[in-house]
Amino acid sequence: MVILLTTTSFQDTPGKHHDILRETGYDVITARGPLNEEQILELVGEVDGIICGDDMFTRRVLEKALPRLRVLSKYGIGLDKIDVEAATEFAIPVLFTPGVNHTTVAEHCFALLLGLVKNLVEEVNFTRSGKWKRLTGHEIMGRKIGIVGLGRIGKEMAIRARAFGLEAQAFDIYWDGDFADQHGVRRVDSLNELLRTADIVSLHTNLSPQTRNMLNPESIALMKKGALVINCARGELVDTAAMVEALESGQVGGYGADVLDQEPPPADHPLLKAPNCLITPHIGSRTYESVVRQATKAVTNLILALEGKTPLAQFNDVPIRPAQ
């Protein structure tokens, strides 16, 4: 049995997930993702299972992986880089790991938020260079945070928002009224209403044709002047050119993101030099605690499926093949 492992977090972080995979006796081929379509095409065709990160599993890739590929196990929850429709057509189970990273991603969102309002990165750079330059920051207490998507991570944001003295409101098609009532989250009826009223906009929705570029010139124009935006979901939720223009004009007061529309980005990616912008290299869920949870679930999913058993979490409706 040959397994392709592409996620670098899995590979770089010690933990029991390595032991679990090693004890299977499978032959493991490793690559450093995220991989584009051409890179993955060179690797598939002779592998039985894949543990992947944010690699491009297009229809073309999945076709080449047949007939040997039996399971695609995603390390994480975002499936926008996988052609799930094609995988389902080809009877390839797509497994994923919900419920493992919401705590650490929410913490990272608040790290970015506090970094923006307290000028932390700029001030640290001053002191490292021998300067004692003191900028004046802001408090977040009493401000209104608008949470786009009240799923697992959005709920963790709401819990932390209340602890920081923020007024939380959220927009989501699927509404957990009990949670909202318990944690004082006000429901807004539309994204536009949220954008018009929030001092801080935090994105926690999946990427789809409907959500791609949800922050664009028109929607950004609705926002309060100087509002802050936090994005630890997907870079493609934000129109890059529109965000750069809004940061330069002051329409957006700061953008803190752990994701970009190109990863890794080219050296001249415009957001890397934009004012009042903090970009981290997709590390929101890369903590020792979260990586072990995600990796253990991903490898357990893989093994169960290859053994013909029901995995912990499967996204598409494809029967698991009997063990060979």
Protein backbone atom coordinates (compact mmCIF):
# COMPACT_ATOMS: atom_id res chain seq x y z
CA MET A 1 0.00 0.00 0.00
CA VAL A 2 1.46 3.36 -1.09
CA ILE A 3 0.44 6.63 0.55
CA LEU A 4 1.18 10.16 -0.66
CA LEU A 5 1.54 12.72 2.15
CA THR A 6 1.67 16.38 1.11
CA THR A 7 0.73 18.45 4.15
CA THR A 8 3.79 20.08 5.69
CA SER A 9 2.19 20.63 9.09
CA PHE A 10 1.76 16.87 9.43
CA GLN A 11 5.35 16.26 8.38
CA ASP A 12 7.00 19.02 10.45
CA THR A 13 5.22 18.57 13.77
CA PRO A 14 6.11 15.68 16.08
CA GLY A 15 3.31 13.66 17.60
CA LYS A 16 1.44 10.38 17.70
CA HIS A 17 0.20 10.80 14.13
CA HIS A 18 3.65 9.81 12.88
CA ASP A 19 3.58 6.64 14.98
CA ILE A 20 0.09 5.72 13.77
CA LEU A 21 1.11 6.08 10.13
CA ARG A 22 4.43 4.28 10.64
CA GLU A 23 2.77 1.31 12.34
CA THR A 24 0.59 0.62 9.30
CA GLY A 25 3.63 -0.54 7.34
CA TYR A 26 2.46 1.48 4.32
CA ASP A 27 5.06 2.90 1.96
CA VAL A 28 4.84 6.68 2.39
CA ILE A 29 5.85 9.18 -0.31
CA THR A 30 6.17 12.76 0.91
CA ALA A 31 5.97 16.07 -0.94
CA ARG A 32 5.99 19.65 0.30
CA GLY A 33 2.59 21.18 -0.40
CA PRO A 34 0.58 23.08 -1.27
CA LEU A 35 1.06 21.63 -4.74
CA ASN A 36 -0.38 22.92 -7.99
CA GLU A 37 -2.04 20.72 -10.58
CA GLU A 38 1.11 19.97 -12.58
CA GLN A 39 3.08 19.04 -9.47
CA ILE A 40 0.43 16.59 -8.25
CA LEU A 41 0.06 15.04 -11.69
CA GLU A 42 3.66 13.89 -11.44
CA LEU A 43 2.93 12.04 -8.17
CA VAL A 44 -0.42 10.30 -8.61
CA GLY A 45 -1.26 7.14 -10.50
CA GLU A 46 0.63 4.68 -8.35
CA VAL A 47 -0.70 5.59 -4.90
CA ASP A 48 -3.56 4.00 -2.97
CA GLY A 49 -4.31 6.81 -0.53
CA ILE A 50 -3.49 10.49 -0.10
CA ILE A 51 -3.31 12.73 2.96
CA CYS A 52 -3.44 16.22 1.49
CA GLY A 53 -3.45 19.84 2.51
CA ASP A 54 -4.44 22.71 0.22
CA ASP A 55 -3.28 21.00 -2.95
CA MET A 56 -5.10 21.28 -6.29
CA PHE A 57 -7.00 18.04 -6.77
CA THR A 58 -8.68 18.83 -10.06
CA ARG A 59 -10.66 16.45 -12.27
CA ARG A 60 -7.52 15.96 -14.35
CA VAL A 61 -5.52 14.93 -11.28
CA LEU A 62 -8.21 12.58 -10.02
CA GLU A 63 -8.57 10.94 -13.43
CA LYS A 64 -4.85 10.19 -13.52
CA ALA A 65 -5.01 8.81 -9.96
CA LEU A 66 -7.45 6.11 -11.11
CA PRO A 67 -7.98 3.24 -10.82
CA ARG A 68 -5.57 2.80 -7.93
CA LEU A 69 -6.54 5.71 -5.67
CA ARG A 70 -9.01 4.50 -3.03
CA VAL A 71 -9.25 7.46 -0.65
CA LEU A 72 -8.45 11.16 -0.40
CA SER A 73 -8.04 12.25 3.24
CA LYS A 74 -7.97 16.00 3.74
CA TYR A 75 -5.91 17.39 6.62
CA GLY A 76 -8.30 20.20 7.56
CA ILE A 77 -11.83 21.22 6.71
CA GLY A 78 -11.63 23.42 3.60
CA LEU A 79 -12.39 21.42 0.45
CA ASP A 80 -12.41 24.22 -2.12
CA LYS A 81 -9.16 22.96 -3.71
CA ILE A 82 -10.69 19.50 -4.30
CA ASP A 83 -13.09 18.78 -7.15
CA VAL A 84 -15.51 16.94 -4.89
CA GLU A 85 -18.00 16.46 -7.71
CA ALA A 86 -15.39 14.66 -9.79
CA ALA A 87 -14.22 12.62 -6.81
CA THR A 88 -17.79 11.50 -6.19
CA GLU A 89 -18.25 10.61 -9.86
CA PHE A 90 -15.07 8.52 -9.70
CA ALA A 91 -16.18 6.86 -6.42
CA ILE A 92 -13.30 8.32 -4.42
CA PRO A 93 -14.26 9.00 -0.79
CA VAL A 94 -13.29 12.51 0.35
CA LEU A 95 -12.57 12.54 4.07
CA PHE A 96 -11.94 15.60 6.24
CA THR A 97 -11.33 16.66 9.85
CA PRO A 98 -14.02 18.97 11.23
CA GLY A 99 -13.89 20.10 14.85
CA VAL A 100 -10.13 20.07 15.37
CA ASN A 101 -8.83 23.60 14.78
CA HIS A 102 -11.52 26.10 15.79
CA THR A 103 -9.85 27.08 19.07
CA THR A 104 -6.44 27.84 17.64
CA VAL A 105 -7.78 29.66 14.56
CA ALA A 106 -9.93 31.93 16.72
CA GLU A 107 -6.91 32.68 18.90
CA HIS A 108 -4.92 33.59 15.80
CA CYS A 109 -7.69 35.93 14.65
CA PHE A 110 -7.48 37.82 17.91
CA ALA A 111 -3.68 37.89 17.66
CA LEU A 112 -4.02 39.63 14.28
CA LEU A 113 -6.70 41.97 15.60
CA LEU A 114 -4.64 43.01 18.62
CA GLY A 115 -1.56 43.30 16.44
CA LEU A 116 -3.38 45.81 14.25
CA VAL A 117 -4.92 48.00 16.94
CA LYS A 118 -1.80 48.04 19.15
CA ASN A 119 0.72 48.48 16.26
CA LEU A 120 2.59 45.50 17.70
CA VAL A 121 4.63 44.46 14.67
CA GLU A 122 5.70 48.00 13.84
CA GLU A 123 6.63 48.75 17.44
CA VAL A 124 8.64 45.54 17.82
CA ASN A 125 10.50 46.38 14.63
CA PHE A 126 11.30 49.84 16.02
CA THR A 127 12.78 48.50 19.24
CA ARG A 128 14.72 45.77 17.41
CA SER A 129 16.34 48.47 15.27
CA GLY A 130 17.33 50.47 18.35
CA LYS A 131 14.54 53.06 18.09
CA TRP A 132 12.22 54.07 20.93
CA LYS A 133 9.29 55.27 18.85
CA ARG A 134 5.93 55.12 20.58
CA LEU A 135 2.82 55.05 18.43
CA THR A 136 -0.68 55.53 19.80
CA GLY A 137 -2.98 52.55 19.41
CA HIS A 138 -6.61 51.81 20.14
CA GLU A 139 -8.79 49.73 22.46
CA ILE A 140 -11.22 47.16 21.09
CA MET A 141 -13.50 47.15 24.13
CA GLY A 142 -16.93 48.49 23.27
CA ARG A 143 -16.52 48.07 19.54
CA LYS A 144 -18.89 46.05 17.37
CA ILE A 145 -17.51 42.91 15.73
CA GLY A 146 -19.35 41.41 12.77
CA ILE A 147 -18.77 37.68 12.36
CA VAL A 148 -19.43 36.33 8.87
CA GLY A 149 -20.25 32.66 9.40
CA LEU A 150 -21.27 31.42 12.84
CA GLY A 151 -19.84 27.92 12.52
CA ARG A 152 -17.31 26.35 14.87
CA ILE A 153 -14.66 29.06 14.43
CA GLY A 154 -17.21 31.87 14.29
CA LYS A 155 -18.65 30.67 17.59
CA GLU A 156 -15.19 30.64 19.19
CA MET A 157 -14.77 34.21 17.97
CA ALA A 158 -18.05 35.20 19.60
CA ILE A 159 -17.01 33.67 22.92
CA ARG A 160 -13.70 35.55 22.89
CA ALA A 161 -15.34 38.74 21.69
CA ARG A 162 -17.55 38.79 24.75
CA ALA A 163 -14.51 38.31 27.00
CA PHE A 164 -12.86 41.33 25.36
CA GLY A 165 -15.95 43.47 25.86
CA LEU A 166 -16.90 43.54 22.19
CA GLU A 167 -20.48 43.68 20.99
CA ALA A 168 -20.95 40.65 18.72
CA GLN A 169 -23.25 40.36 15.75
CA ALA A 170 -23.19 37.70 13.05
CA PHE A 171 -24.57 36.74 9.66
CA ASP A 172 -25.14 33.11 8.72
CA ILE A 173 -27.80 31.29 6.73
CA TYR A 174 -27.80 28.47 9.29
CA TRP A 175 -28.48 30.05 12.68
CA ASP A 176 -27.85 28.46 16.07
CA GLY A 177 -30.31 30.43 18.14
CA ASP A 178 -29.47 28.74 21.42
CA PHE A 179 -25.77 29.57 21.09
CA ALA A 180 -26.52 33.15 20.03
CA ASP A 181 -28.83 33.70 22.97
CA GLN A 182 -26.35 32.19 25.42
CA HIS A 183 -23.44 34.31 24.21
CA GLY A 184 -25.23 37.53 23.37
CA VAL A 185 -24.76 37.41 19.59
CA ARG A 186 -27.18 39.55 17.60
CA ARG A 187 -28.35 38.17 14.28
CA VAL A 188 -28.21 40.45 11.25
CA ASP A 189 -30.30 39.70 8.17
CA SER A 190 -27.69 40.29 5.48
CA LEU A 191 -23.99 40.67 4.82
CA ASN A 192 -24.60 44.26 3.76
CA GLU A 193 -26.19 45.09 7.10
CA LEU A 194 -23.23 43.55 8.91
CA LEU A 195 -20.74 45.53 6.82
CA ARG A 196 -22.58 48.81 7.40
CA THR A 197 -22.65 48.45 11.19
CA ALA A 198 -19.46 46.62 12.23
CA ASP A 199 -16.24 48.21 13.43
CA ILE A 200 -14.46 44.88 12.93
CA VAL A 201 -15.38 42.35 10.23
CA SER A 202 -14.15 38.79 10.77
CA LEU A 203 -14.57 36.26 7.95
CA HIS A 204 -15.37 32.64 8.82
CA THR A 205 -17.20 31.25 5.82
CA ASN A 206 -16.22 28.65 3.26
CA LEU A 207 -15.10 29.52 -0.26
CA SER A 208 -17.72 28.96 -2.92
CA PRO A 209 -18.83 30.70 -6.13
CA GLN A 210 -21.21 32.72 -3.97
CA THR A 211 -18.59 33.84 -1.42
CA ARG A 212 -15.61 34.41 -3.72
CA ASN A 213 -14.67 38.11 -3.60
CA MET A 214 -17.45 38.81 -1.12
CA LEU A 215 -15.38 41.81 -0.07
CA ASN A 216 -15.12 43.73 -3.32
CA PRO A 217 -15.22 47.44 -4.27
CA GLU A 218 -18.99 47.63 -3.82
CA SER A 219 -19.22 45.80 -0.50
CA ILE A 220 -16.13 47.50 0.97
CA ALA A 221 -17.73 50.87 0.14
CA LEU A 222 -20.61 49.94 2.48
CA MET A 223 -18.29 49.53 5.46
CA LYS A 224 -17.67 52.13 8.14
CA LYS A 225 -14.66 54.20 7.19
CA GLY A 226 -11.65 52.85 9.06
CA ALA A 227 -13.22 49.49 9.93
CA LEU A 228 -10.87 46.55 10.41
CA VAL A 229 -11.03 43.23 8.54
CA ILE A 230 -9.74 39.88 9.81
CA ASN A 231 -9.50 36.92 7.43
CA CYS A 232 -8.36 33.49 8.60
CA ALA A 233 -10.69 31.63 6.25
CA ARG A 234 -9.70 31.87 2.57
CA GLY A 235 -7.81 34.58 0.71
CA GLU A 236 -10.19 34.41 -2.23
CA LEU A 237 -13.03 35.76 -0.09
CA VAL A 238 -11.40 39.16 -0.57
CA ASP A 239 -10.76 41.01 -3.82
CA THR A 240 -7.05 41.75 -3.41
CA ALA A 241 -6.95 44.89 -5.58
CA ALA A 242 -10.01 46.30 -3.84
CA MET A 243 -8.53 45.65 -0.39
CA VAL A 244 -5.22 47.32 -1.30
CA GLU A 245 -7.07 50.37 -2.61
CA ALA A 246 -9.23 50.51 0.53
CA LEU A 247 -6.18 50.32 2.80
CA GLU A 248 -4.42 53.07 0.87
CA SER A 249 -7.48 55.34 1.00
CA GLY A 250 -8.25 54.60 4.66
CA GLN A 251 -11.68 53.14 3.90
CA VAL A 252 -10.36 49.99 5.61
CA GLY A 253 -8.33 50.86 8.68
CA GLY A 254 -6.43 47.59 8.81
CA TYR A 255 -6.39 44.10 7.31
CA GLY A 256 -5.13 41.10 9.25
CA ALA A 257 -5.02 37.88 7.25
CA ASP A 258 -3.58 34.40 7.56
CA VAL A 259 -4.57 33.54 3.99
CA LEU A 260 -3.95 34.93 0.51
CA ASP A 261 -5.34 34.31 -2.95
CA GLN A 262 -1.90 32.94 -3.92
CA GLU A 263 -0.04 30.67 -1.50
CA PRO A 264 2.87 30.95 -1.27
CA PRO A 265 2.57 34.49 -2.65
CA PRO A 266 4.93 36.02 -5.19
CA ALA A 267 7.39 38.52 -3.73
CA ASP A 268 5.47 41.39 -5.34
CA HIS A 269 2.03 40.40 -4.02
CA PRO A 270 0.39 43.78 -3.35
CA LEU A 271 -0.91 42.96 0.13
CA LEU A 272 2.61 42.26 1.41
CA LYS A 273 3.44 45.96 1.09
CA ALA A 274 0.01 47.47 1.75
CA PRO A 275 -0.36 49.91 4.68
CA ASN A 276 -1.86 48.74 7.97
CA CYS A 277 -1.77 45.15 6.77
CA LEU A 278 -0.57 42.09 8.69
CA ILE A 279 -0.15 38.86 6.73
CA THR A 280 0.89 35.56 8.32
CA PRO A 281 1.77 32.45 6.23
CA HIS A 282 -1.35 30.32 6.82
CA ILE A 283 -0.36 29.27 10.33
CA GLY A 284 -3.66 29.89 12.12
CA SER A 285 -4.13 26.20 12.87
CA ARG A 286 -0.42 25.37 13.03
CA THR A 287 0.01 24.79 16.74
CA TYR A 288 1.39 21.65 18.34
CA GLU A 289 -1.99 20.94 19.87
CA SER A 290 -4.08 21.52 16.76
CA VAL A 291 -1.71 19.81 14.31
CA VAL A 292 -1.71 16.61 16.35
CA ARG A 293 -5.52 16.64 16.50
CA GLN A 294 -5.89 17.28 12.77
CA ALA A 295 -3.16 14.89 11.68
CA THR A 296 -4.36 12.10 13.95
CA LYS A 297 -7.88 12.43 12.59
CA ALA A 298 -6.65 12.61 8.98
CA VAL A 299 -4.47 9.50 9.26
CA THR A 300 -7.16 7.63 11.20
CA ASN A 301 -9.67 8.48 8.45
CA LEU A 302 -7.23 7.17 5.85
CA ILE A 303 -6.54 3.89 7.65
CA LEU A 304 -10.20 3.18 8.40
CA ALA A 305 -11.17 3.72 4.77
CA LEU A 306 -8.33 1.56 3.43
CA GLU A 307 -9.40 -1.17 5.85
CA GLY A 308 -12.95 -0.99 4.53
CA LYS A 309 -14.32 0.61 7.70
CA THR A 310 -16.38 3.75 8.26
CA PRO A 311 -14.12 6.81 8.61
CA LEU A 312 -14.55 9.43 11.33
CA ALA A 313 -15.76 12.09 8.88
CA GLN A 314 -16.61 11.78 5.19
CA PHE A 315 -17.84 14.66 3.04
CA ASN A 316 -19.21 12.95 -0.04
CA ASP A 317 -21.65 10.07 -0.39
CA VAL A 318 -19.35 7.36 -1.75
CA PRO A 319 -19.26 3.79 -0.43
CA ILE A 320 -16.05 2.72 1.24
CA ARG A 321 -14.45 -0.12 -0.71
CA PRO A 322 -13.91 -3.43 1.07
CA ALA A 323 -10.38 -4.02 2.29
CA GLN A 324 -8.11 -5.65 -0.26
